[in-house]
Amino acid sequence: MKKSGRIGAEILEQLSDNRIHRRADMLKQQKKLLRGKEEPHFDFDFSWTLTNLVGLGYINRENRGEYKITSFGLKALEQNRENLYKQIQTFKKISEKNSKFAYAVFKEANEIFVKDNINSLERNVAEDSLCSALGRSLEKVMETKGINRNYYIDTNYNRNDYMYKTIINNKCQMFRINCDLLIHSRGENKVQDNLLALEMKKKSNTKDRKENKERLKIMTKIHIMEK
């Protein structure tokens, strides 16, 4: 069974010509490398590896189903291949572990939130009020799991020292961070500032979700900075 590290290295090699490649063509090429021996769940492993490569900053998602290698990706190809395999594989394991843990924390807090605030939900109170209540539920769960030290739960937080809190996506577009609920270190932990970012929207709120989704995607990525 191919490991995601080797799949990732092969994808980078495929994209090394610095052109935009379609996902369908990339998958077709990867299946050719299997020499007719289709592996179970290969489509899923391929998709997950693409996500890891984007998270590592090795490739960009240019448009829907279209990808292009970055300068970080080209540099990674020049390094020792075994180290590259291990880095992609390690990133996959860390991503899976962090995602499962964050989801478990949110799920437990959300159950407490619904139970404690059923009357408010039935009365259709404002989003800000519900968001604050969810924050209190998250504080309870974080305390029981021992992860509330040096981390804070803030609603509509938008500052980094005296400047607006911002983040840049892979296309060098800057977004202001002002999501509904944020678990973060308020900039004290430079490596892992944001633990969980939430946007709360009631069904009756018809505001476009596109910018919210883009902001959440950027905030939950791990950014590898060039030394």
Protein backbone atom coordinates (compact mmCIF):
# COMPACT_ATOMS: atom_id res chain seq x y z
CA MET A 1 0.00 0.00 0.00
CA LYS A 2 1.42 3.37 -0.98
CA LYS A 3 1.92 5.79 1.91
CA SER A 4 0.72 9.38 1.55
CA GLY A 5 4.33 10.62 1.74
CA ARG A 6 5.24 8.85 -1.49
CA ILE A 7 1.97 9.84 -3.15
CA GLY A 8 2.71 13.47 -2.17
CA ALA A 9 6.24 13.34 -3.61
CA GLU A 10 4.91 11.91 -6.87
CA ILE A 11 2.28 14.68 -7.06
CA LEU A 12 4.96 17.34 -6.55
CA GLU A 13 7.04 15.79 -9.33
CA GLN A 14 3.98 15.84 -11.58
CA LEU A 15 3.46 19.55 -10.84
CA SER A 16 7.14 20.51 -11.08
CA ASP A 17 6.69 22.09 -14.53
CA ASN A 18 5.00 25.02 -12.70
CA ARG A 19 1.81 24.79 -14.77
CA ILE A 20 -1.76 24.51 -13.51
CA HIS A 21 -2.88 20.87 -13.39
CA ARG A 22 -6.39 19.48 -13.16
CA ARG A 23 -7.16 17.15 -10.28
CA ALA A 24 -8.72 14.54 -12.57
CA ASP A 25 -5.57 14.38 -14.72
CA MET A 26 -3.35 14.14 -11.65
CA LEU A 27 -5.39 11.26 -10.24
CA LYS A 28 -5.34 9.49 -13.60
CA GLN A 29 -1.54 9.78 -13.74
CA GLN A 30 -1.18 8.45 -10.18
CA LYS A 31 -3.33 5.44 -11.01
CA LYS A 32 -1.07 4.73 -14.01
CA LEU A 33 1.87 4.52 -11.60
CA LEU A 34 0.07 1.66 -9.85
CA ARG A 35 0.51 -0.32 -13.10
CA GLY A 36 -3.05 -1.56 -13.21
CA LYS A 37 -3.16 -2.74 -9.61
CA GLU A 38 -5.82 -0.54 -8.06
CA GLU A 39 -5.30 -0.11 -4.31
CA PRO A 40 -8.27 0.03 -1.93
CA HIS A 41 -9.35 3.57 -0.98
CA PHE A 42 -6.72 5.10 -3.29
CA ASP A 43 -9.04 7.97 -4.34
CA PHE A 44 -9.50 8.93 -0.69
CA ASP A 45 -5.74 8.74 0.04
CA PHE A 46 -5.06 10.87 -3.03
CA SER A 47 -7.56 13.55 -1.94
CA TRP A 48 -6.23 13.57 1.62
CA THR A 49 -2.66 13.93 0.35
CA LEU A 50 -3.68 16.90 -1.81
CA THR A 51 -5.14 18.55 1.29
CA ASN A 52 -1.90 17.92 3.20
CA LEU A 53 0.22 19.40 0.40
CA VAL A 54 -1.92 22.55 0.39
CA GLY A 55 -1.64 22.75 4.19
CA LEU A 56 2.14 22.41 4.01
CA GLY A 57 2.26 25.23 1.46
CA TYR A 58 3.75 22.98 -1.25
CA ILE A 59 0.88 23.51 -3.70
CA ASN A 60 -1.87 26.09 -4.20
CA ARG A 61 -5.49 25.43 -5.06
CA GLU A 62 -5.86 27.90 -7.93
CA ASN A 63 -9.46 27.16 -8.87
CA ARG A 64 -11.94 24.38 -8.25
CA GLY A 65 -10.09 21.14 -9.05
CA GLU A 66 -6.94 22.95 -10.27
CA TYR A 67 -3.56 23.01 -8.54
CA LYS A 68 -0.11 24.54 -9.03
CA ILE A 69 3.20 23.93 -7.26
CA THR A 70 4.64 26.73 -5.06
CA SER A 71 8.23 27.86 -4.53
CA PHE A 72 8.20 25.85 -1.27
CA GLY A 73 7.15 22.76 -3.22
CA LEU A 74 9.89 23.20 -5.79
CA LYS A 75 12.44 23.66 -3.01
CA ALA A 76 11.19 20.52 -1.25
CA LEU A 77 11.76 18.49 -4.42
CA GLU A 78 15.44 19.48 -4.39
CA GLN A 79 15.93 18.07 -0.88
CA ASN A 80 16.42 14.49 0.25
CA ARG A 81 13.38 12.50 -0.92
CA GLU A 82 13.20 10.30 2.17
CA ASN A 83 12.97 13.40 4.37
CA LEU A 84 10.20 14.70 2.13
CA TYR A 85 8.26 11.44 2.46
CA LYS A 86 8.59 11.56 6.25
CA GLN A 87 7.55 15.22 6.47
CA ILE A 88 4.34 14.65 4.49
CA GLN A 89 3.55 11.50 6.46
CA THR A 90 4.19 13.26 9.79
CA PHE A 91 2.02 16.21 8.76
CA LYS A 92 -0.80 13.80 7.91
CA LYS A 93 -0.63 12.18 11.35
CA ILE A 94 -0.54 15.55 13.16
CA SER A 95 -3.45 16.88 11.06
CA GLU A 96 -5.57 13.82 11.81
CA LYS A 97 -4.79 13.92 15.53
CA ASN A 98 -5.45 17.67 15.89
CA SER A 99 -8.64 17.51 13.85
CA LYS A 100 -10.05 14.65 15.92
CA PHE A 101 -9.15 16.35 19.19
CA ALA A 102 -10.61 19.73 18.19
CA TYR A 103 -13.79 18.05 16.99
CA ALA A 104 -14.10 16.08 20.25
CA VAL A 105 -13.75 19.27 22.30
CA PHE A 106 -16.32 21.11 20.20
CA LYS A 107 -18.77 18.19 20.18
CA GLU A 108 -18.72 17.86 23.97
CA ALA A 109 -19.06 21.63 24.43
CA ASN A 110 -21.88 21.84 21.91
CA GLU A 111 -23.86 19.15 23.75
CA ILE A 112 -23.50 21.13 26.99
CA PHE A 113 -24.44 24.34 25.17
CA VAL A 114 -27.65 22.89 23.70
CA LYS A 115 -28.68 21.36 27.03
CA ASP A 116 -28.05 24.53 29.05
CA ASN A 117 -29.52 26.96 26.50
CA ILE A 118 -32.54 25.16 25.07
CA ASN A 119 -34.86 28.00 26.13
CA SER A 120 -32.70 30.61 24.40
CA LEU A 121 -32.59 28.51 21.23
CA GLU A 122 -36.37 28.13 21.23
CA ARG A 123 -36.80 31.88 21.70
CA ASN A 124 -34.46 32.58 18.77
CA VAL A 125 -32.20 34.98 20.70
CA ALA A 126 -29.43 36.94 18.96
CA GLU A 127 -26.37 35.18 17.52
CA ASP A 128 -24.02 37.16 19.78
CA SER A 129 -25.80 35.91 22.90
CA LEU A 130 -25.72 32.29 21.72
CA CYS A 131 -22.06 32.60 20.75
CA SER A 132 -21.13 33.82 24.24
CA ALA A 133 -23.03 30.91 25.77
CA LEU A 134 -21.16 28.45 23.54
CA GLY A 135 -17.90 30.07 24.65
CA ARG A 136 -18.77 29.37 28.29
CA SER A 137 -19.46 25.73 27.42
CA LEU A 138 -16.09 25.48 25.66
CA GLU A 139 -14.38 26.92 28.74
CA LYS A 140 -15.86 24.12 30.86
CA VAL A 141 -14.62 21.40 28.50
CA MET A 142 -11.17 22.98 28.09
CA GLU A 143 -10.78 23.13 31.86
CA THR A 144 -11.65 19.46 32.30
CA LYS A 145 -9.14 18.51 29.58
CA GLY A 146 -6.43 20.79 30.95
CA ILE A 147 -5.99 22.89 27.81
CA ASN A 148 -7.18 26.27 29.08
CA ARG A 149 -3.75 27.44 30.28
CA ASN A 150 -2.44 30.41 28.28
CA TYR A 151 -5.39 30.20 25.88
CA TYR A 152 -8.44 32.44 25.77
CA ILE A 153 -11.95 32.23 24.35
CA ASP A 154 -13.00 35.50 22.69
CA THR A 155 -15.99 36.56 20.62
CA ASN A 156 -15.48 38.96 17.70
CA TYR A 157 -11.81 39.38 18.60
CA ASN A 158 -9.98 41.52 16.04
CA ARG A 159 -6.70 42.77 17.53
CA ASN A 160 -3.04 41.77 17.41
CA ASP A 161 -1.36 44.14 19.89
CA TYR A 162 -2.57 47.53 18.60
CA MET A 163 -3.18 46.44 15.01
CA TYR A 164 -6.02 44.55 13.36
CA LYS A 165 -5.50 40.79 13.49
CA THR A 166 -4.94 39.58 9.92
CA ILE A 167 -3.86 36.49 8.04
CA ILE A 168 -2.72 35.93 4.43
CA ASN A 169 -3.88 33.12 2.17
CA ASN A 170 -1.83 31.26 -0.47
CA LYS A 171 -2.73 33.90 -3.08
CA CYS A 172 -1.24 36.68 -0.92
CA GLN A 173 -4.71 38.05 -0.16
CA MET A 174 -5.07 39.55 3.31
CA PHE A 175 -8.12 38.82 5.47
CA ARG A 176 -9.05 40.50 8.72
CA ILE A 177 -9.69 38.00 11.48
CA ASN A 178 -12.92 38.83 13.24
CA CYS A 179 -14.70 35.50 13.50
CA ASP A 180 -17.60 34.89 15.86
CA LEU A 181 -15.68 32.77 18.38
CA LEU A 182 -11.97 32.13 18.68
CA ILE A 183 -9.86 29.98 21.00
CA HIS A 184 -6.34 31.42 20.78
CA SER A 185 -3.30 32.62 22.72
CA ARG A 186 -3.89 36.29 21.80
CA GLY A 187 -0.59 36.18 19.93
CA GLU A 188 1.46 34.84 22.86
CA ASN A 189 2.09 31.49 21.16
CA LYS A 190 3.48 32.38 17.73
CA VAL A 191 3.61 28.76 16.54
CA GLN A 192 0.09 27.69 17.51
CA ASP A 193 -2.00 30.79 18.17
CA ASN A 194 -5.43 29.67 16.93
CA LEU A 195 -6.75 26.37 18.32
CA LEU A 196 -10.37 26.64 17.19
CA ALA A 197 -12.21 29.18 15.03
CA LEU A 198 -16.00 29.23 14.77
CA GLU A 199 -18.53 31.14 12.74
CA MET A 200 -22.10 30.94 14.08
CA LYS A 201 -24.91 31.70 11.64
CA LYS A 202 -28.60 31.08 12.22
CA LYS A 203 -30.68 29.76 9.36
CA SER A 204 -32.58 33.05 9.23
CA ASN A 205 -29.31 34.93 8.53
CA THR A 206 -29.11 35.15 4.72
CA LYS A 207 -25.66 36.82 4.62
CA ASP A 208 -23.22 35.24 2.15
CA ARG A 209 -21.03 32.60 3.85
CA LYS A 210 -18.23 32.63 1.24
CA GLU A 211 -15.90 35.03 3.07
CA ASN A 212 -16.56 33.26 6.39
CA LYS A 213 -15.60 29.91 4.88
CA GLU A 214 -12.43 31.32 3.27
CA ARG A 215 -11.36 32.91 6.55
CA LEU A 216 -11.88 29.65 8.46
CA LYS A 217 -9.89 27.66 5.87
CA ILE A 218 -6.93 30.02 6.14
CA MET A 219 -7.01 30.19 9.94
CA THR A 220 -6.98 26.41 10.37
CA LYS A 221 -3.97 25.78 8.10
CA ILE A 222 -0.43 25.21 9.27
CA HIS A 223 1.90 27.64 7.53
CA ILE A 224 5.49 26.58 6.83
CA MET A 225 7.68 29.66 6.69
CA GLU A 226 10.85 29.73 4.61
CA LYS A 227 14.00 30.06 6.70
